[in-house]
Structure formats: structure tokens, C-alpha cells
Amino acid sequence: MLRSMYSGVSGMKGFQTKLDVIGNNIANVNTVGFKASRVMFKDILSQTVSGVTAPTDTQGGVNAKQIGLGTTVGSIDTIHTPGSAQTTNVPTDLRIDGDGFFMVKMSDEQETPFLTRAGDFHIDGNRNLVTSDGLFVLDSEGAIITLGDEVTGFSIAQDGTIVTQGGDEGEGVKIGIAKVINPEGLEKMGGNLYRVTANALGGDETEVVPLGANSVEDGTGAIIAGQLEMSNVDLTGEFTEMIVAQRGFQANSRIITTSDEVLQEVVNLKR
């Protein structure tokens, strides 16, 4: 069977994956804290028809003859560039102006918190600061943030400090911010959440160290209350890449069609 047919099949599979990623990016264009992804390709092993001949005093060198065997997906990268800011004026809406992540937990028993860039938080019936899905937001000590019963109002400073009114309980508590070495190493869990992996922190370490916001030496960034970080999806770029992927898929399908025609001619040699 012709190599070109299998090369065309691999190309169609790769561009189908690219279209899947682009479709997910466009679907999340208005998702708070969403980070777009991209697909990078690499070639598959090449078949060597003849090897390299080294040059000598009497004869020049000869390069190798190799035939490529198609393409495959090299990586699917998550692009952690900042999204645009949307002003909501809601006190519990927070945006990180930096590289940090909010830390959230499902319960006290959960050891390693999830990370998120979506700061659309709320105060529940127990006066806990939670996400839209009910996950607890953690402070700089890794504890659940709870406002006292006597607190009548609060505001959040740029360093993450919760300034309360009507009581001193919770005064000085800071919103917890985490910083990872390699954000692309985080695993998407759905619900705007990331799971910490060994490749995100380096080595076998999987423990997230809570930090305060607005830390210059740690680079976590400032917390801006009353704003949300929107998706970093660029619709113009995504639709352009969609056209490229569509034409690439179409071109590879033509390779398969042409290879089939060649095989048909071979079969018709014996009439």
C-alpha cells in the first residue's frame, strides 16, 4: 500500500484534533478565567531509503534519502496569558493581576487544593467564601475563609487582606494565592479548576505553598476586587486557525483520493 495514503490519514487525524481544540476555545470565549489551548504537530519517523556516505579525499559525501511517514500531535499547550478585565463592582468578584492562582477545596479533608483563575466568589449561608460550585476559598494559611457573625461588611485590599466592618474577627486574613513553576503542567479538571501535578511544581513535589497576594519577590500579583478575568481566547486568531485546519484537512483528504486513483490504475494494469 502507498505510504502517501497513510500520511494523508495521519494528517487528517491531526487536523481533526486541531479543530476539536479550536472548537473548545471558541465555546469558552466568555468563560471566566479560561485559558486557551493550541495544538503543535511533529513528523513521524522517516523511512531511510539510503544512508549517509562520508566524504573522502577522492569523492564527495552523499546525503541520506528519507521518506516521511506522516504527522502526529506533538503537544497540546495551555496558553497562560492574562485575559481581559471585566468590571462588575461586585465585592466578591476578584481578579489576579499577576501569575498566581486562587486555591479552593471541596472539604477540609482534601489535602492538595485545586487552583483556579476564576474569581467569581460568593458568601454562602455559613458565611464562608466559596466558588459558584460551593468549593471553599482558602486563605494564605491554607484554611477556609469564614466571616464572623458580627461582621456587617467587608472589602478586599490589593494584597488580599480582608478588611471587615462591625467586628474584628477575620481581620487581617488574606486571600490565599499559589504560584507554580510551570503553569502549563497543570491538569484541567473542568469547572475552571486545575489539578497540581509533579511537572507543574518540579520533581516529585505536589504540595502547594499558600502565599499572600501582591508579593513582589514571589510574583503572585495583586488582587483587584470588583473585577473578573475573562477568557484569553482571541476569536480572530481562532477563526484564522480554523480556516488553516479546514484547508489542511481538505488537502490531506485529496492525498488519500489521489493515492486511491493511483492504486486503481495499478489494479487496471491487468485487464
Protein backbone atom coordinates (compact mmCIF):
# COMPACT_ATOMS: atom_id res chain seq x y z
CA MET A 1 0.00 0.00 0.00
CA LEU A 2 1.19 3.53 -0.78
CA ARG A 3 2.91 5.46 2.01
CA SER A 4 1.15 8.65 0.91
CA MET A 5 -2.25 7.21 1.83
CA TYR A 6 -1.22 6.60 5.43
CA SER A 7 0.45 10.01 5.55
CA GLY A 8 -2.83 11.56 4.46
CA VAL A 9 -4.70 9.66 7.15
CA SER A 10 -2.30 10.87 9.85
CA GLY A 11 -2.67 14.43 8.60
CA MET A 12 -6.47 14.24 8.73
CA LYS A 13 -6.35 12.87 12.29
CA GLY A 14 -4.03 15.67 13.36
CA PHE A 15 -6.14 18.45 11.87
CA GLN A 16 -9.27 16.88 13.36
CA THR A 17 -7.62 17.19 16.78
CA LYS A 18 -6.74 20.81 15.98
CA LEU A 19 -10.36 21.52 15.07
CA ASP A 20 -11.51 19.92 18.34
CA VAL A 21 -9.20 22.21 20.35
CA ILE A 22 -10.25 25.29 18.38
CA GLY A 23 -13.91 24.43 18.90
CA ASN A 24 -13.37 24.18 22.66
CA ASN A 25 -11.56 27.53 22.69
CA ILE A 26 -14.39 29.27 20.84
CA ALA A 27 -17.02 27.63 23.07
CA ASN A 28 -15.26 29.10 26.13
CA VAL A 29 -14.76 32.59 24.73
CA ASN A 30 -16.85 34.05 27.59
CA THR A 31 -15.78 31.62 30.35
CA VAL A 32 -14.29 33.41 33.35
CA GLY A 33 -10.61 32.60 33.86
CA PHE A 34 -10.43 30.22 30.87
CA LYS A 35 -7.04 29.70 29.21
CA ALA A 36 -6.95 28.80 25.53
CA SER A 37 -5.08 25.79 24.15
CA ARG A 38 -3.13 25.22 20.94
CA VAL A 39 -2.01 22.13 19.03
CA MET A 40 1.59 21.65 17.89
CA PHE A 41 2.47 18.96 15.32
CA LYS A 42 5.60 16.91 14.74
CA ASP A 43 6.59 14.50 11.99
CA ILE A 44 6.57 10.73 12.42
CA LEU A 45 9.68 8.61 11.87
CA SER A 46 11.08 8.75 8.35
CA GLN A 47 11.97 5.67 6.33
CA THR A 48 15.60 5.74 5.22
CA VAL A 49 16.00 4.53 1.64
CA SER A 50 19.78 5.00 1.59
CA GLY A 51 22.15 6.15 4.30
CA VAL A 52 24.76 8.83 4.51
CA THR A 53 28.13 8.47 2.76
CA ALA A 54 31.01 10.38 4.33
CA PRO A 55 33.26 12.45 2.06
CA THR A 56 36.74 11.18 1.22
CA ASP A 57 39.82 12.60 -0.46
CA THR A 58 38.61 11.40 -3.84
CA GLN A 59 34.83 11.58 -3.52
CA GLY A 60 32.31 13.94 -2.00
CA GLY A 61 29.76 12.95 0.61
CA VAL A 62 26.25 11.80 -0.18
CA ASN A 63 23.23 12.78 1.87
CA ALA A 64 20.67 10.29 3.14
CA LYS A 65 17.44 9.64 1.26
CA GLN A 66 14.47 9.58 3.60
CA ILE A 67 10.72 9.38 3.05
CA GLY A 68 8.47 10.86 5.73
CA LEU A 69 5.65 8.73 7.09
CA GLY A 70 3.19 11.43 8.14
CA THR A 71 2.49 13.63 11.13
CA THR A 72 1.22 13.36 14.69
CA VAL A 73 0.25 15.67 17.53
CA GLY A 74 3.40 16.84 19.33
CA SER A 75 1.71 18.69 22.19
CA ILE A 76 -1.49 20.43 23.25
CA ASP A 77 -0.34 23.51 25.15
CA THR A 78 -2.37 25.66 27.53
CA ILE A 79 -1.59 29.33 26.96
CA HIS A 80 -1.48 31.11 30.34
CA THR A 81 -1.51 34.68 29.09
CA PRO A 82 -3.76 37.08 31.06
CA GLY A 83 -7.32 37.58 29.92
CA SER A 84 -9.13 40.89 29.66
CA ALA A 85 -10.55 42.53 32.79
CA GLN A 86 -14.31 42.92 33.20
CA THR A 87 -15.54 45.39 35.81
CA THR A 88 -18.53 44.10 37.81
CA ASN A 89 -18.29 46.18 41.02
CA VAL A 90 -19.26 43.05 43.00
CA PRO A 91 -17.11 42.94 46.16
CA THR A 92 -16.61 39.16 45.97
CA ASP A 93 -15.51 39.22 42.33
CA LEU A 94 -11.72 39.03 42.31
CA ARG A 95 -9.09 39.23 39.57
CA ILE A 96 -5.42 38.36 39.94
CA ASP A 97 -3.20 40.92 38.23
CA GLY A 98 -0.23 38.56 38.01
CA ASP A 99 0.76 34.91 37.70
CA GLY A 100 -0.85 33.46 40.82
CA PHE A 101 -3.85 31.16 41.27
CA PHE A 102 -6.67 31.08 43.79
CA MET A 103 -6.75 27.96 45.97
CA VAL A 104 -10.04 26.11 46.58
CA LYS A 105 -11.03 22.89 48.34
CA MET A 106 -14.07 20.64 48.36
CA SER A 107 -13.68 19.98 52.10
CA ASP A 108 -11.20 20.16 54.99
CA GLU A 109 -10.20 16.56 54.32
CA GLN A 110 -8.81 17.37 50.89
CA GLU A 111 -5.03 17.65 51.21
CA THR A 112 -3.96 19.30 47.96
CA PRO A 113 -6.20 22.19 46.87
CA PHE A 114 -7.34 22.84 43.34
CA LEU A 115 -6.19 26.01 41.57
CA THR A 116 -8.29 28.42 39.57
CA ARG A 117 -8.12 31.82 37.91
CA ALA A 118 -11.90 32.30 38.05
CA GLY A 119 -12.62 34.73 40.88
CA ASP A 120 -16.44 34.78 40.81
CA PHE A 121 -16.83 34.02 44.52
CA HIS A 122 -19.82 34.21 46.88
CA ILE A 123 -20.70 34.17 50.60
CA ASP A 124 -22.76 31.07 51.46
CA GLY A 125 -25.25 30.52 54.31
CA ASN A 126 -22.46 29.67 56.74
CA ARG A 127 -20.64 32.91 55.85
CA ASN A 128 -17.90 31.01 54.02
CA LEU A 129 -16.24 32.41 50.91
CA VAL A 130 -16.99 29.85 48.19
CA THR A 131 -16.95 29.40 44.41
CA SER A 132 -20.07 29.11 42.27
CA ASP A 133 -19.85 25.31 42.72
CA GLY A 134 -19.59 25.55 46.51
CA LEU A 135 -15.84 24.92 46.84
CA PHE A 136 -14.20 26.69 49.78
CA VAL A 137 -11.76 29.51 49.04
CA LEU A 138 -8.57 29.27 51.13
CA ASP A 139 -6.58 31.95 52.89
CA SER A 140 -2.80 32.41 52.95
CA GLU A 141 -2.56 29.79 55.72
CA GLY A 142 -4.48 27.19 53.71
CA ALA A 143 -7.61 27.49 55.88
CA ILE A 144 -11.22 28.04 54.85
CA ILE A 145 -12.24 31.71 54.90
CA THR A 146 -15.22 32.35 57.19
CA LEU A 147 -16.62 35.74 58.18
CA GLY A 148 -17.70 36.24 61.79
CA ASP A 149 -21.36 36.62 62.74
CA GLU A 150 -20.80 40.22 63.86
CA VAL A 151 -19.27 41.28 60.53
CA THR A 152 -21.63 43.66 58.73
CA GLY A 153 -19.42 44.46 55.75
CA PHE A 154 -16.03 43.82 54.26
CA SER A 155 -13.67 44.81 51.50
CA ILE A 156 -10.63 43.15 49.97
CA ALA A 157 -7.36 45.04 49.57
CA GLN A 158 -4.90 44.54 46.72
CA ASP A 159 -2.66 42.43 48.91
CA GLY A 160 -5.59 40.09 49.54
CA THR A 161 -6.32 41.28 53.08
CA ILE A 162 -10.00 41.07 54.06
CA VAL A 163 -10.90 44.29 55.87
CA THR A 164 -14.06 43.71 57.92
CA GLN A 165 -16.61 46.10 59.43
CA GLY A 166 -18.68 45.51 62.55
CA GLY A 167 -16.20 43.17 64.20
CA ASP A 168 -12.56 42.24 64.32
CA GLU A 169 -12.96 38.51 63.66
CA GLY A 170 -11.29 37.67 60.38
CA GLU A 171 -9.41 40.96 60.37
CA GLY A 172 -6.05 40.53 58.68
CA VAL A 173 -6.98 37.28 56.91
CA LYS A 174 -5.52 37.20 53.42
CA ILE A 175 -6.85 35.52 50.29
CA GLY A 176 -4.52 32.60 49.54
CA ILE A 177 -2.55 32.77 46.31
CA ALA A 178 -0.45 29.90 44.90
CA LYS A 179 2.43 30.15 42.42
CA VAL A 180 3.62 27.23 40.29
CA ILE A 181 6.84 26.98 38.30
CA ASN A 182 5.24 25.57 35.16
CA PRO A 183 1.56 26.57 34.74
CA GLU A 184 1.34 24.52 31.53
CA GLY A 185 1.97 21.44 33.67
CA LEU A 186 -1.36 21.90 35.47
CA GLU A 187 -4.12 19.46 34.55
CA LYS A 188 -7.54 20.85 33.61
CA MET A 189 -10.27 19.31 35.77
CA GLY A 190 -13.32 21.12 34.41
CA GLY A 191 -15.29 23.76 36.28
CA ASN A 192 -12.43 26.27 35.80
CA LEU A 193 -10.22 24.11 38.07
CA TYR A 194 -6.63 22.90 37.70
CA ARG A 195 -5.06 19.93 39.46
CA VAL A 196 -1.45 20.25 40.60
CA THR A 197 0.97 17.76 39.00
CA ALA A 198 4.63 16.96 39.60
CA ASN A 199 5.55 18.70 36.33
CA ALA A 200 3.87 21.91 37.47
CA LEU A 201 5.95 22.23 40.64
CA GLY A 202 9.04 20.29 39.63
CA GLY A 203 10.34 16.91 40.77
CA ASP A 204 8.05 14.77 42.89
CA GLU A 205 6.66 17.73 44.80
CA THR A 206 2.87 18.09 44.68
CA GLU A 207 2.29 20.34 47.70
CA VAL A 208 1.05 23.84 47.01
CA VAL A 209 2.54 26.53 49.25
CA PRO A 210 0.00 29.28 50.03
CA LEU A 211 1.29 32.80 49.54
CA GLY A 212 -0.09 36.25 50.11
CA ALA A 213 -1.05 38.39 47.14
CA ASN A 214 0.95 41.33 45.83
CA SER A 215 4.24 39.64 46.67
CA VAL A 216 6.95 41.16 44.51
CA GLU A 217 9.57 38.50 45.25
CA ASP A 218 7.14 35.66 44.54
CA GLY A 219 5.45 37.30 41.57
CA THR A 220 1.93 36.30 42.58
CA GLY A 221 0.42 39.64 41.60
CA ALA A 222 -2.19 41.92 43.14
CA ILE A 223 -5.85 41.10 43.77
CA ILE A 224 -8.31 43.52 42.17
CA ALA A 225 -11.75 43.44 43.80
CA GLY A 226 -14.84 44.18 41.71
CA GLN A 227 -13.30 42.76 38.53
CA LEU A 228 -13.16 39.37 36.80
CA GLU A 229 -10.54 37.96 34.46
CA MET A 230 -12.27 36.84 31.29
CA SER A 231 -11.11 34.24 28.78
CA ASN A 232 -7.87 34.90 26.88
CA VAL A 233 -9.33 33.41 23.67
CA ASP A 234 -8.66 35.58 20.61
CA LEU A 235 -11.58 34.98 18.23
CA THR A 236 -9.74 36.47 15.26
CA GLY A 237 -6.82 34.10 15.71
CA GLU A 238 -9.08 31.12 16.41
CA PHE A 239 -11.14 31.59 13.24
CA THR A 240 -7.95 32.05 11.23
CA GLU A 241 -6.56 28.80 12.65
CA MET A 242 -9.89 27.14 11.89
CA ILE A 243 -9.51 28.06 8.21
CA VAL A 244 -5.95 26.68 8.22
CA ALA A 245 -7.11 23.45 9.87
CA GLN A 246 -10.02 23.08 7.47
CA ARG A 247 -7.80 23.53 4.41
CA GLY A 248 -5.19 21.19 5.88
CA PHE A 249 -7.86 18.54 6.44
CA GLN A 250 -9.11 19.05 2.89
CA ALA A 251 -5.60 18.82 1.40
CA ASN A 252 -4.88 15.58 3.24
CA SER A 253 -8.16 14.11 2.05
CA ARG A 254 -7.02 14.87 -1.52
CA ILE A 255 -3.82 12.92 -0.82
CA ILE A 256 -5.94 9.89 0.04
CA THR A 257 -8.11 10.37 -3.06
CA THR A 258 -5.07 10.69 -5.34
CA SER A 259 -3.41 7.64 -3.76
CA ASP A 260 -6.62 5.68 -4.35
CA GLU A 261 -6.61 6.68 -8.01
CA VAL A 262 -3.00 5.51 -8.35
CA LEU A 263 -3.91 2.16 -6.80
CA GLN A 264 -6.86 1.90 -9.16
CA GLU A 265 -4.51 2.35 -12.14
CA VAL A 266 -2.24 -0.37 -10.74
CA VAL A 267 -5.19 -2.75 -10.43
CA ASN A 268 -6.29 -1.94 -14.01
CA LEU A 269 -2.87 -2.91 -15.44
CA LYS A 270 -4.26 -6.45 -15.65
CA ARG A 271 -7.42 -6.25 -17.69
